[in-house]
């Protein structure tokens, strides 16, 4: 059974679009706003979820961008920081704003570089998988279904796992993109 607090923090118009994560004794909801839900998955041998010893922080901001006449376009930005690995679902745009970021790309993506240098690509023959434990995961409504832009803004020294079918904007030259060969 899902906790009712979780569903109450998601807007009624978004509840039907978000595929909610499976509950386990090692998972904990850490942030929720609009169409976005953040979860933390503790390490198997940790002291439990009462004392989360990982390093992460999330700020979820939602607003409207005015357009011509009386229309507006909604958007949600999730500012992510910390050293705990993060999973970003498909169709959520990723914007890398600071240095020292490693991106593991698990599917097809469109990479847009916002600088003049070259992107640092690495090919991997290993399967791209999430860490078994101690990571954060973002769950979000499909932006196409709710007609809203959802962007994860990645800050310094993060490890991010991208599901694919998304746009990745790189603002820093030292970002390492690791893709399946």
C-alpha atoms as a PDB file:
ATOM      1  CA  UNK A   1       0.000   0.000   0.000  1.00  0.00           C
ATOM      2  CA  UNK A   2       1.361   3.434  -0.940  1.00  0.00           C
ATOM      3  CA  UNK A   3       1.569   6.122   1.708  1.00  0.00           C
ATOM      4  CA  UNK A   4      -1.130   8.766   1.225  1.00  0.00           C
ATOM      5  CA  UNK A   5       1.344  11.592   1.875  1.00  0.00           C
ATOM      6  CA  UNK A   6       3.108  10.669  -1.357  1.00  0.00           C
ATOM      7  CA  UNK A   7       0.001  11.002  -3.478  1.00  0.00           C
ATOM      8  CA  UNK A   8      -1.050  14.227  -1.778  1.00  0.00           C
ATOM      9  CA  UNK A   9       2.188  15.978  -2.733  1.00  0.00           C
ATOM     10  CA  UNK A  10       1.694  15.104  -6.409  1.00  0.00           C
ATOM     11  CA  UNK A  11      -0.860  17.358  -8.044  1.00  0.00           C
ATOM     12  CA  UNK A  12      -4.143  15.636  -8.922  1.00  0.00           C
ATOM     13  CA  UNK A  13      -3.484  16.362 -12.590  1.00  0.00           C
ATOM     14  CA  UNK A  14      -0.109  14.558 -12.403  1.00  0.00           C
ATOM     15  CA  UNK A  15      -0.974  11.463 -10.330  1.00  0.00           C
ATOM     16  CA  UNK A  16      -2.201   9.414 -13.276  1.00  0.00           C
ATOM     17  CA  UNK A  17       0.994  10.049 -15.277  1.00  0.00           C
ATOM     18  CA  UNK A  18       3.698   9.167 -12.745  1.00  0.00           C
ATOM     19  CA  UNK A  19       4.784   5.519 -12.631  1.00  0.00           C
ATOM     20  CA  UNK A  20       5.451   5.130  -8.930  1.00  0.00           C
ATOM     21  CA  UNK A  21       8.437   3.113  -7.697  1.00  0.00           C
ATOM     22  CA  UNK A  22       8.087  -0.161  -5.845  1.00  0.00           C
ATOM     23  CA  UNK A  23       8.210   0.233  -2.085  1.00  0.00           C
ATOM     24  CA  UNK A  24      10.862  -1.593  -0.116  1.00  0.00           C
ATOM     25  CA  UNK A  25      12.262  -1.357   3.409  1.00  0.00           C
ATOM     26  CA  UNK A  26      15.365   0.299   1.902  1.00  0.00           C
ATOM     27  CA  UNK A  27      13.571   3.014  -0.108  1.00  0.00           C
ATOM     28  CA  UNK A  28      12.502   6.427   1.107  1.00  0.00           C
ATOM     29  CA  UNK A  29      10.744   9.333  -0.560  1.00  0.00           C
ATOM     30  CA  UNK A  30      12.938  12.408  -0.064  1.00  0.00           C
ATOM     31  CA  UNK A  31      11.320  15.141  -2.188  1.00  0.00           C
ATOM     32  CA  UNK A  32       8.138  15.635  -4.166  1.00  0.00           C
ATOM     33  CA  UNK A  33       6.639  18.555  -6.062  1.00  0.00           C
ATOM     34  CA  UNK A  34       4.390  18.809  -9.113  1.00  0.00           C
ATOM     35  CA  UNK A  35       5.174  15.997 -11.562  1.00  0.00           C
ATOM     36  CA  UNK A  36       8.503  14.998  -9.900  1.00  0.00           C
ATOM     37  CA  UNK A  37       9.237  12.543  -7.109  1.00  0.00           C
ATOM     38  CA  UNK A  38      12.709  11.827  -5.677  1.00  0.00           C
ATOM     39  CA  UNK A  39      13.592   8.561  -3.933  1.00  0.00           C
ATOM     40  CA  UNK A  40      16.658   7.355  -2.043  1.00  0.00           C
ATOM     41  CA  UNK A  41      17.632   3.677  -2.008  1.00  0.00           C
ATOM     42  CA  UNK A  42      19.816   2.829   0.991  1.00  0.00           C
ATOM     43  CA  UNK A  43      22.751   0.423   0.985  1.00  0.00           C
ATOM     44  CA  UNK A  44      21.905  -3.162   1.939  1.00  0.00           C
ATOM     45  CA  UNK A  45      24.142  -3.117   5.017  1.00  0.00           C
ATOM     46  CA  UNK A  46      23.281   0.426   6.139  1.00  0.00           C
ATOM     47  CA  UNK A  47      21.952   1.373   9.537  1.00  0.00           C
ATOM     48  CA  UNK A  48      18.520   1.877   8.008  1.00  0.00           C
ATOM     49  CA  UNK A  49      16.655   4.778   6.488  1.00  0.00           C
ATOM     50  CA  UNK A  50      16.297   6.640   9.778  1.00  0.00           C
ATOM     51  CA  UNK A  51      19.930   7.720   9.441  1.00  0.00           C
ATOM     52  CA  UNK A  52      20.645   8.503   5.806  1.00  0.00           C
ATOM     53  CA  UNK A  53      24.399   8.932   5.544  1.00  0.00           C
ATOM     54  CA  UNK A  54      24.611   9.842   1.872  1.00  0.00           C
ATOM     55  CA  UNK A  55      25.468  13.213   0.408  1.00  0.00           C
ATOM     56  CA  UNK A  56      22.691  14.633  -1.771  1.00  0.00           C
ATOM     57  CA  UNK A  57      20.359  17.589  -2.085  1.00  0.00           C
ATOM     58  CA  UNK A  58      17.457  18.409  -4.402  1.00  0.00           C
ATOM     59  CA  UNK A  59      15.491  21.569  -5.015  1.00  0.00           C
ATOM     60  CA  UNK A  60      12.362  21.242  -7.141  1.00  0.00           C
ATOM     61  CA  UNK A  61      11.005  24.448  -8.667  1.00  0.00           C
ATOM     62  CA  UNK A  62       7.892  24.741 -10.783  1.00  0.00           C
ATOM     63  CA  UNK A  63       6.539  27.798 -12.529  1.00  0.00           C
ATOM     64  CA  UNK A  64       5.077  29.192 -15.727  1.00  0.00           C
ATOM     65  CA  UNK A  65       6.750  30.983 -18.619  1.00  0.00           C
ATOM     66  CA  UNK A  66       4.458  33.640 -20.094  1.00  0.00           C
ATOM     67  CA  UNK A  67       3.875  33.347 -23.798  1.00  0.00           C
ATOM     68  CA  UNK A  68       1.996  35.583 -26.214  1.00  0.00           C
ATOM     69  CA  UNK A  69      -1.420  36.909 -25.216  1.00  0.00           C
ATOM     70  CA  UNK A  70      -2.939  34.913 -22.353  1.00  0.00           C
ATOM     71  CA  UNK A  71      -1.094  31.586 -22.569  1.00  0.00           C
ATOM     72  CA  UNK A  72       1.773  30.214 -20.510  1.00  0.00           C
ATOM     73  CA  UNK A  73       4.001  27.154 -20.630  1.00  0.00           C
ATOM     74  CA  UNK A  74       4.598  25.248 -17.368  1.00  0.00           C
ATOM     75  CA  UNK A  75       8.037  23.963 -16.416  1.00  0.00           C
ATOM     76  CA  UNK A  76       9.699  22.085 -13.571  1.00  0.00           C
ATOM     77  CA  UNK A  77      13.402  22.304 -12.731  1.00  0.00           C
ATOM     78  CA  UNK A  78      15.118  19.881 -10.363  1.00  0.00           C
ATOM     79  CA  UNK A  79      18.463  21.200  -9.108  1.00  0.00           C
ATOM     80  CA  UNK A  80      20.535  18.167  -8.105  1.00  0.00           C
ATOM     81  CA  UNK A  81      23.725  18.137  -6.070  1.00  0.00           C
ATOM     82  CA  UNK A  82      25.815  15.693  -4.087  1.00  0.00           C
ATOM     83  CA  UNK A  83      28.048  12.677  -4.461  1.00  0.00           C
ATOM     84  CA  UNK A  84      25.308  10.015  -4.338  1.00  0.00           C
ATOM     85  CA  UNK A  85      24.623   8.607  -7.855  1.00  0.00           C
ATOM     86  CA  UNK A  86      21.376   9.773  -9.472  1.00  0.00           C
ATOM     87  CA  UNK A  87      19.087   8.059 -12.001  1.00  0.00           C
ATOM     88  CA  UNK A  88      17.188  10.358 -14.407  1.00  0.00           C
ATOM     89  CA  UNK A  89      14.261   8.806 -16.333  1.00  0.00           C
ATOM     90  CA  UNK A  90      13.753   9.032 -20.084  1.00  0.00           C
ATOM     91  CA  UNK A  91      12.347  12.209 -21.623  1.00  0.00           C
ATOM     92  CA  UNK A  92      13.599  14.379 -18.736  1.00  0.00           C
ATOM     93  CA  UNK A  93      16.125  16.865 -20.121  1.00  0.00           C
ATOM     94  CA  UNK A  94      19.524  16.915 -18.385  1.00  0.00           C
ATOM     95  CA  UNK A  95      21.473  20.171 -18.081  1.00  0.00           C
ATOM     96  CA  UNK A  96      25.069  19.852 -16.808  1.00  0.00           C
ATOM     97  CA  UNK A  97      26.051  23.243 -15.382  1.00  0.00           C
ATOM     98  CA  UNK A  98      29.220  22.553 -13.374  1.00  0.00           C
ATOM     99  CA  UNK A  99      32.478  20.587 -13.517  1.00  0.00           C
ATOM    100  CA  UNK A 100      33.418  17.014 -12.648  1.00  0.00           C
ATOM    101  CA  UNK A 101      30.212  15.308 -13.831  1.00  0.00           C
ATOM    102  CA  UNK A 102      30.124  11.724 -15.171  1.00  0.00           C
ATOM    103  CA  UNK A 103      27.131  10.751 -17.292  1.00  0.00           C
ATOM    104  CA  UNK A 104      26.330   7.089 -17.930  1.00  0.00           C
ATOM    105  CA  UNK A 105      24.037   7.004 -20.950  1.00  0.00           C
ATOM    106  CA  UNK A 106      21.858   3.875 -21.191  1.00  0.00           C
ATOM    107  CA  UNK A 107      20.004   4.694 -24.399  1.00  0.00           C
ATOM    108  CA  UNK A 108      19.782   7.058 -27.346  1.00  0.00           C
ATOM    109  CA  UNK A 109      20.252  10.708 -26.447  1.00  0.00           C
ATOM    110  CA  UNK A 110      20.707  14.024 -28.185  1.00  0.00           C
ATOM    111  CA  UNK A 111      23.793  15.799 -26.821  1.00  0.00           C
ATOM    112  CA  UNK A 112      23.932  19.563 -27.232  1.00  0.00           C
ATOM    113  CA  UNK A 113      27.237  21.172 -26.272  1.00  0.00           C
ATOM    114  CA  UNK A 114      27.109  24.794 -25.203  1.00  0.00           C
ATOM    115  CA  UNK A 115      30.877  25.349 -25.531  1.00  0.00           C
ATOM    116  CA  UNK A 116      33.427  25.300 -28.368  1.00  0.00           C
ATOM    117  CA  UNK A 117      35.614  22.351 -27.268  1.00  0.00           C
ATOM    118  CA  UNK A 118      35.041  18.634 -27.777  1.00  0.00           C
ATOM    119  CA  UNK A 119      32.855  16.393 -25.641  1.00  0.00           C
ATOM    120  CA  UNK A 120      34.804  13.710 -23.732  1.00  0.00           C
ATOM    121  CA  UNK A 121      33.220  10.415 -24.784  1.00  0.00           C
ATOM    122  CA  UNK A 122      34.205   7.026 -23.414  1.00  0.00           C
ATOM    123  CA  UNK A 123      32.919   3.724 -24.767  1.00  0.00           C
ATOM    124  CA  UNK A 124      32.121   0.917 -22.356  1.00  0.00           C
ATOM    125  CA  UNK A 125      31.690  -2.766 -23.088  1.00  0.00           C
ATOM    126  CA  UNK A 126      30.282  -3.342 -19.597  1.00  0.00           C
ATOM    127  CA  UNK A 127      26.503  -3.301 -19.213  1.00  0.00           C
ATOM    128  CA  UNK A 128      25.161   0.071 -18.073  1.00  0.00           C
ATOM    129  CA  UNK A 129      23.381  -0.643 -14.817  1.00  0.00           C
ATOM    130  CA  UNK A 130      22.390   1.369 -11.799  1.00  0.00           C
ATOM    131  CA  UNK A 131      24.394   0.803  -8.648  1.00  0.00           C
ATOM    132  CA  UNK A 132      22.838  -2.013  -6.648  1.00  0.00           C
ATOM    133  CA  UNK A 133      22.212   0.203  -3.667  1.00  0.00           C
ATOM    134  CA  UNK A 134      22.786   3.656  -2.221  1.00  0.00           C
ATOM    135  CA  UNK A 135      21.553   5.846  -5.062  1.00  0.00           C
ATOM    136  CA  UNK A 136      18.826   8.406  -5.710  1.00  0.00           C
ATOM    137  CA  UNK A 137      16.204   8.064  -8.415  1.00  0.00           C
ATOM    138  CA  UNK A 138      13.960  10.640 -10.010  1.00  0.00           C
ATOM    139  CA  UNK A 139      10.471   9.601 -11.034  1.00  0.00           C
ATOM    140  CA  UNK A 140       8.503  11.977 -13.225  1.00  0.00           C
ATOM    141  CA  UNK A 141       5.395  12.205 -15.322  1.00  0.00           C
ATOM    142  CA  UNK A 142       5.985  11.905 -19.046  1.00  0.00           C
ATOM    143  CA  UNK A 143       6.568  15.515 -20.181  1.00  0.00           C
ATOM    144  CA  UNK A 144       4.698  14.817 -23.426  1.00  0.00           C
ATOM    145  CA  UNK A 145       1.585  13.635 -21.566  1.00  0.00           C
ATOM    146  CA  UNK A 146       1.400  16.665 -19.275  1.00  0.00           C
ATOM    147  CA  UNK A 147       2.730  19.231 -21.793  1.00  0.00           C
ATOM    148  CA  UNK A 148       5.407  20.469 -19.403  1.00  0.00           C
ATOM    149  CA  UNK A 149       9.199  20.790 -19.603  1.00  0.00           C
ATOM    150  CA  UNK A 150      11.031  18.857 -16.887  1.00  0.00           C
ATOM    151  CA  UNK A 151      14.768  19.563 -16.598  1.00  0.00           C
ATOM    152  CA  UNK A 152      17.298  18.056 -14.176  1.00  0.00           C
ATOM    153  CA  UNK A 153      20.047  20.615 -13.513  1.00  0.00           C
ATOM    154  CA  UNK A 154      23.208  18.741 -12.533  1.00  0.00           C
ATOM    155  CA  UNK A 155      25.835  20.451 -10.373  1.00  0.00           C
ATOM    156  CA  UNK A 156      29.494  19.678  -9.616  1.00  0.00           C
ATOM    157  CA  UNK A 157      31.034  16.241  -9.127  1.00  0.00           C
ATOM    158  CA  UNK A 158      27.927  14.130  -9.676  1.00  0.00           C
ATOM    159  CA  UNK A 159      27.493  10.702 -11.219  1.00  0.00           C
ATOM    160  CA  UNK A 160      24.298  10.532 -13.263  1.00  0.00           C
ATOM    161  CA  UNK A 161      22.651   7.563 -15.003  1.00  0.00           C
ATOM    162  CA  UNK A 162      20.488   8.687 -17.944  1.00  0.00           C
ATOM    163  CA  UNK A 163      17.773   6.316 -19.167  1.00  0.00           C
ATOM    164  CA  UNK A 164      17.884   7.601 -22.739  1.00  0.00           C
ATOM    165  CA  UNK A 165      15.394   9.250 -25.117  1.00  0.00           C
ATOM    166  CA  UNK A 166      16.356  12.655 -23.760  1.00  0.00           C
ATOM    167  CA  UNK A 167      18.327  15.805 -24.523  1.00  0.00           C
ATOM    168  CA  UNK A 168      21.540  16.427 -22.594  1.00  0.00           C
ATOM    169  CA  UNK A 169      22.901  19.990 -22.564  1.00  0.00           C
ATOM    170  CA  UNK A 170      26.562  20.267 -21.600  1.00  0.00           C
ATOM    171  CA  UNK A 171      27.883  23.620 -20.373  1.00  0.00           C
ATOM    172  CA  UNK A 172      31.262  22.326 -19.109  1.00  0.00           C
ATOM    173  CA  UNK A 173      34.085  20.854 -21.188  1.00  0.00           C
ATOM    174  CA  UNK A 174      35.272  18.419 -18.519  1.00  0.00           C
ATOM    175  CA  UNK A 175      31.994  16.451 -18.431  1.00  0.00           C
ATOM    176  CA  UNK A 176      32.634  12.769 -19.224  1.00  0.00           C
ATOM    177  CA  UNK A 177      29.932  10.950 -21.189  1.00  0.00           C
ATOM    178  CA  UNK A 178      30.162   7.145 -20.948  1.00  0.00           C
ATOM    179  CA  UNK A 179      28.141   5.242 -23.544  1.00  0.00           C
ATOM    180  CA  UNK A 180      27.603   1.585 -24.355  1.00  0.00           C
ATOM    181  CA  UNK A 181      29.802   0.450 -27.219  1.00  0.00           C
END
